[in-house]
Every structure is written in structure tokens, then in C-alpha cells.
């Protein structure tokens, strides 16, 4: 099933939000959750792998040579997916605002969707293991609190990290994305005036 992934709203304290971005106005779902998961926000291209192939965030995006690796990679995953199943991840072949030297893969998953429900993290990790996929780095798992978020903010290395994403560990519907998942993005996270798609491709490094 090909479908555009929803927008992740910024946490209220995120300095990287621009005039075009959406800000979370209600943190009660995160505060009330038994557990939240915080993962590193990678500087890549939001990508969907589904039973019929793969596409960047917009299903009708035009061709770009940096996506050739992903098409070959997805060809080994897509036939193993059900029609109502989507794998979401960051595609990190081409350098965007941050260069990576030792990635485990150019595709790092962050969500597994069945129908219109984003699956719980434990189930997601099990599915990734079945498919041989690496996940984005996990920074924290536990109860949400302002103190936890402040500590995570203090640990962001703005020279090597774009920020982090926090979500409930349990499953939630795509319609709940504005309240069940949020991101913190460093200030001035886009540090080049030339969009990466119009610049020479600089390949990130693999471990």
C-alpha cells in the first residue's frame, strides 16, 4: 500500500521549527503514556517501503540518482510485505545537513504500519529483525517528563546530530500522530543554501 506518511509535529521547545512547521499543542498523550521511546532524528530522506516498491515521503517524487541504492535494497524487502504493511525509515545514502561516517545501513527504520496503525515499538523491532532491518538509534525508553526532555536536549551534539523524536512505546493510529509523536530539531538544521537534491551527491559512510 503506497501512502504518504503523516507530518511529525515539533515539540514546543524545538528551536528548529520554521513558519511552515506544526507545533504540538497537547503533550498529555506523551505525559500519560506508561512508556515513551526517544530515537535519534537522522538527517536523511523520509522513505516508505511497501509491497509494491518504495517511495520518498511524497509517492509522486521525481527520480534522483541517489535513490538507486534504495530501490535495489527495497527489492529484497517489498516481496515479504503484506498489502496493508508499510515500513518507514530514514534513507541516508546522500549527505544532507549532517555527514555520517559509520552507519550500519543506508536505511534505518523507525516505524512499522499495518493499515492505518503505527505498531508498538517492541512489535516493530521484532518485525525489523524478521526483515533484517536496522533501526534508528534509541536514546531513551521510560516515562516522559520535562526533566528527561531537558536532559536529552543537553546531550544533543549539534555538530553530529539533528535532534530526536519521541513517541509512545505502544501502538497508535496515524490520525493520532499530532499528539503521540513529536520531534526536537536543532536550530539552523539546514546549513547549506543549496538543496541536497541539486548539489553533487556526497555519500555517507558505512560501518
Foldseek 3Di string as FASTA:
>chain_A
DDDAADDFAAEPPFQADDPPGHYQPDQVLQQPFQKKWKFFDDPAFKKKQELVFIDTNDNPDDDFVLCPVVRVVSVLQNVVHDRQKMWIWGQAFFDFLAAAAAAQDRTATDFIDGNQKTAAQVVVVVVCVVRVHHHTGIDDMGHDDPVVVVVQVVPDDLRHGQWMKMFRRHMDGSVCSSHGMHIHGHHCSGVDPDGRRPDPTDTHHHD
